[in-house]
């Protein structure tokens, strides 16, 4: 699944429209639409902001080891306690 498809799935799970996500992320509705459709790429800075609004964080998987790189949700919870 591509980034735009994942963003759409998460956005819908949180009950947000593209317009709401766009407004809260500081980008246009048409940009969110293009990202979700796969016709536009998104900068990591904007993606991180959008994901944070949805209560998520960016995770990267190492292609060789298939292991998650970066802080896990459990690590984040520990730091908040």
N, C-alpha and C. Protein backbone atom coordinates (compact mmCIF):
# COMPACT_ATOMS: atom_id res chain seq x y z
N UNK A 1 0.85 -1.18 0.00
CA UNK A 1 0.00 0.00 0.00
C UNK A 1 0.90 1.24 0.00
N UNK A 2 0.57 2.19 -0.86
CA UNK A 2 1.36 3.42 -0.98
C UNK A 2 0.98 4.42 0.11
N UNK A 3 1.85 5.42 0.28
CA UNK A 3 1.67 6.44 1.33
C UNK A 3 0.29 7.09 1.24
N UNK A 4 -0.11 7.52 0.06
CA UNK A 4 -1.40 8.18 -0.11
C UNK A 4 -2.57 7.29 0.28
N UNK A 5 -2.49 6.02 -0.09
CA UNK A 5 -3.55 5.07 0.27
C UNK A 5 -3.60 4.88 1.78
N UNK A 6 -2.43 4.81 2.40
CA UNK A 6 -2.37 4.64 3.86
C UNK A 6 -2.92 5.87 4.57
N UNK A 7 -2.55 7.04 4.07
CA UNK A 7 -3.05 8.28 4.66
C UNK A 7 -4.57 8.34 4.58
N UNK A 8 -5.12 7.96 3.44
CA UNK A 8 -6.57 7.95 3.24
C UNK A 8 -7.24 6.98 4.21
N UNK A 9 -6.69 5.80 4.36
CA UNK A 9 -7.25 4.80 5.27
C UNK A 9 -7.27 5.31 6.70
N UNK A 10 -6.15 5.89 7.13
CA UNK A 10 -6.07 6.42 8.50
C UNK A 10 -7.01 7.60 8.68
N UNK A 11 -7.04 8.50 7.69
CA UNK A 11 -7.93 9.68 7.77
C UNK A 11 -9.37 9.26 7.92
N UNK A 12 -9.79 8.30 7.11
CA UNK A 12 -11.18 7.83 7.18
C UNK A 12 -11.47 7.14 8.51
N UNK A 13 -10.50 6.40 9.03
CA UNK A 13 -10.68 5.72 10.32
C UNK A 13 -10.92 6.73 11.45
N UNK A 14 -10.35 7.93 11.30
CA UNK A 14 -10.53 8.97 12.30
C UNK A 14 -11.72 9.87 11.99
N UNK A 15 -12.43 9.56 10.92
CA UNK A 15 -13.64 10.30 10.58
C UNK A 15 -13.41 11.70 10.07
N UNK A 16 -12.24 11.95 9.50
CA UNK A 16 -11.95 13.29 8.96
C UNK A 16 -12.17 13.32 7.45
N UNK A 17 -12.61 14.46 6.97
CA UNK A 17 -12.70 14.66 5.53
C UNK A 17 -11.34 15.15 5.03
N UNK A 18 -11.16 15.13 3.73
CA UNK A 18 -9.93 15.67 3.16
C UNK A 18 -9.79 17.15 3.49
N UNK A 19 -10.90 17.86 3.47
CA UNK A 19 -10.87 19.30 3.79
C UNK A 19 -10.43 19.54 5.23
N UNK A 20 -10.93 18.73 6.16
CA UNK A 20 -10.55 18.89 7.57
C UNK A 20 -9.06 18.61 7.78
N UNK A 21 -8.58 17.51 7.18
CA UNK A 21 -7.16 17.17 7.31
C UNK A 21 -6.30 18.25 6.68
N UNK A 22 -6.70 18.74 5.52
CA UNK A 22 -5.95 19.78 4.83
C UNK A 22 -5.87 21.04 5.68
N UNK A 23 -7.00 21.47 6.22
CA UNK A 23 -7.05 22.69 7.03
C UNK A 23 -6.16 22.57 8.25
N UNK A 24 -6.23 21.43 8.93
CA UNK A 24 -5.45 21.24 10.14
C UNK A 24 -3.96 21.01 9.86
N UNK A 25 -3.64 20.58 8.64
CA UNK A 25 -2.24 20.33 8.27
C UNK A 25 -1.59 21.53 7.59
N UNK A 26 -2.39 22.53 7.25
CA UNK A 26 -1.85 23.73 6.60
C UNK A 26 -1.58 23.56 5.12
N UNK A 27 -2.33 22.66 4.48
CA UNK A 27 -2.20 22.47 3.03
C UNK A 27 -3.59 22.56 2.41
N UNK A 28 -3.65 22.58 1.09
CA UNK A 28 -4.94 22.70 0.42
C UNK A 28 -5.65 21.35 0.33
N UNK A 29 -6.97 21.44 0.19
CA UNK A 29 -7.77 20.24 0.00
C UNK A 29 -7.32 19.49 -1.24
N UNK A 30 -7.06 20.24 -2.32
CA UNK A 30 -6.67 19.59 -3.58
C UNK A 30 -5.34 18.85 -3.43
N UNK A 31 -4.44 19.37 -2.58
CA UNK A 31 -3.17 18.69 -2.36
C UNK A 31 -3.39 17.36 -1.66
N UNK A 32 -4.20 17.35 -0.61
CA UNK A 32 -4.51 16.09 0.10
C UNK A 32 -5.12 15.10 -0.88
N UNK A 33 -6.03 15.58 -1.71
CA UNK A 33 -6.67 14.71 -2.70
C UNK A 33 -5.65 14.11 -3.66
N UNK A 34 -4.73 14.94 -4.15
CA UNK A 34 -3.71 14.45 -5.09
C UNK A 34 -2.77 13.44 -4.43
N UNK A 35 -2.40 13.68 -3.17
CA UNK A 35 -1.53 12.75 -2.44
C UNK A 35 -2.25 11.41 -2.28
N UNK A 36 -3.51 11.46 -1.86
CA UNK A 36 -4.26 10.23 -1.66
C UNK A 36 -4.46 9.46 -2.96
N UNK A 37 -4.57 10.18 -4.07
CA UNK A 37 -4.76 9.54 -5.38
C UNK A 37 -3.43 9.07 -6.00
N UNK A 38 -2.33 9.50 -5.39
CA UNK A 38 -1.02 9.09 -5.88
C UNK A 38 -0.47 9.94 -7.00
N UNK A 39 -1.11 11.08 -7.26
CA UNK A 39 -0.64 11.94 -8.36
C UNK A 39 0.27 13.07 -7.88
N UNK A 40 0.53 13.12 -6.57
CA UNK A 40 1.44 14.12 -6.03
C UNK A 40 2.20 13.50 -4.87
N UNK A 41 3.45 13.91 -4.71
CA UNK A 41 4.24 13.41 -3.58
C UNK A 41 4.08 14.39 -2.42
N UNK A 42 4.49 13.95 -1.24
CA UNK A 42 4.32 14.76 -0.04
C UNK A 42 5.66 14.84 0.69
N UNK A 43 6.01 16.04 1.15
CA UNK A 43 7.24 16.20 1.94
C UNK A 43 7.06 15.55 3.30
N UNK A 44 8.15 15.02 3.83
CA UNK A 44 8.10 14.35 5.12
C UNK A 44 7.57 15.26 6.22
N UNK A 45 7.94 16.54 6.17
CA UNK A 45 7.49 17.50 7.18
C UNK A 45 5.97 17.57 7.22
N UNK A 46 5.34 17.64 6.06
CA UNK A 46 3.88 17.73 5.98
C UNK A 46 3.25 16.39 6.36
N UNK A 47 3.85 15.30 5.89
CA UNK A 47 3.34 13.97 6.23
C UNK A 47 3.37 13.75 7.74
N UNK A 48 4.47 14.12 8.39
CA UNK A 48 4.57 13.98 9.84
C UNK A 48 3.51 14.80 10.56
N UNK A 49 3.26 16.01 10.07
CA UNK A 49 2.25 16.88 10.69
C UNK A 49 0.86 16.26 10.55
N UNK A 50 0.55 15.77 9.36
CA UNK A 50 -0.75 15.14 9.13
C UNK A 50 -0.92 13.89 9.98
N UNK A 51 0.13 13.08 10.05
CA UNK A 51 0.06 11.85 10.85
C UNK A 51 -0.09 12.17 12.34
N UNK A 52 0.59 13.20 12.81
CA UNK A 52 0.48 13.60 14.21
C UNK A 52 -0.96 14.00 14.53
N UNK A 53 -1.62 14.68 13.62
CA UNK A 53 -3.02 15.07 13.82
C UNK A 53 -3.92 13.84 13.92
N UNK A 54 -3.49 12.75 13.27
CA UNK A 54 -4.26 11.52 13.29
C UNK A 54 -3.81 10.56 14.39
N UNK A 55 -2.90 11.04 15.24
CA UNK A 55 -2.43 10.21 16.34
C UNK A 55 -1.47 9.11 15.92
N UNK A 56 -0.80 9.31 14.80
CA UNK A 56 0.13 8.31 14.27
C UNK A 56 1.53 8.90 14.15
N UNK A 57 2.49 8.04 13.86
CA UNK A 57 3.83 8.52 13.58
C UNK A 57 4.39 7.74 12.39
N UNK A 58 5.33 8.34 11.73
CA UNK A 58 5.95 7.73 10.57
C UNK A 58 6.87 6.61 11.00
N UNK A 59 6.77 5.49 10.33
CA UNK A 59 7.65 4.35 10.58
C UNK A 59 8.25 3.91 9.26
N UNK A 60 9.49 3.50 9.30
CA UNK A 60 10.19 3.07 8.10
C UNK A 60 10.66 1.63 8.33
N UNK A 61 10.50 0.81 7.31
CA UNK A 61 10.93 -0.58 7.40
C UNK A 61 12.20 -0.76 6.58
N UNK A 62 13.22 -1.34 7.19
CA UNK A 62 14.47 -1.65 6.49
C UNK A 62 14.19 -2.75 5.48
N UNK A 63 14.48 -2.50 4.21
CA UNK A 63 14.17 -3.47 3.16
C UNK A 63 14.93 -4.78 3.31
N UNK A 64 16.15 -4.72 3.83
CA UNK A 64 16.96 -5.93 3.98
C UNK A 64 16.48 -6.78 5.15
N UNK A 65 16.33 -6.16 6.31
CA UNK A 65 16.01 -6.92 7.52
C UNK A 65 14.51 -7.03 7.78
N UNK A 66 13.72 -6.20 7.10
CA UNK A 66 12.27 -6.14 7.30
C UNK A 66 11.89 -5.72 8.72
N UNK A 67 12.81 -5.00 9.37
CA UNK A 67 12.56 -4.53 10.73
C UNK A 67 12.22 -3.05 10.73
N UNK A 68 11.41 -2.67 11.70
CA UNK A 68 10.99 -1.28 11.86
C UNK A 68 12.16 -0.43 12.33
N UNK A 69 12.32 0.73 11.69
CA UNK A 69 13.36 1.68 12.07
C UNK A 69 12.65 2.89 12.67
N UNK A 70 13.15 3.39 13.77
CA UNK A 70 12.56 4.57 14.39
C UNK A 70 11.83 4.19 15.65
N UNK A 71 11.34 5.21 16.38
CA UNK A 71 10.68 4.94 17.67
C UNK A 71 9.37 4.20 17.46
N UNK A 72 9.11 3.24 18.32
CA UNK A 72 7.85 2.53 18.26
C UNK A 72 6.83 3.25 19.12
N UNK A 73 5.59 2.89 18.99
CA UNK A 73 4.54 3.49 19.80
C UNK A 73 4.79 3.22 21.27
N UNK A 74 5.29 2.03 21.60
CA UNK A 74 5.59 1.71 22.99
C UNK A 74 6.67 2.62 23.55
N UNK A 75 7.70 2.92 22.75
CA UNK A 75 8.76 3.84 23.19
C UNK A 75 8.17 5.22 23.48
N UNK A 76 7.25 5.67 22.64
CA UNK A 76 6.64 6.98 22.81
C UNK A 76 5.81 7.02 24.09
N UNK A 77 5.10 5.94 24.38
CA UNK A 77 4.29 5.88 25.60
C UNK A 77 5.16 5.93 26.84
N UNK A 78 6.31 5.25 26.80
CA UNK A 78 7.23 5.26 27.94
C UNK A 78 7.72 6.66 28.23
N UNK A 79 8.04 7.42 27.15
CA UNK A 79 8.55 8.77 27.31
C UNK A 79 7.49 9.73 27.86
N UNK A 80 6.22 9.42 27.66
CA UNK A 80 5.14 10.30 28.12
C UNK A 80 4.81 10.06 29.59
N UNK A 81 5.23 8.91 30.16
CA UNK A 81 4.89 8.60 31.55
C UNK A 81 5.76 9.34 32.53
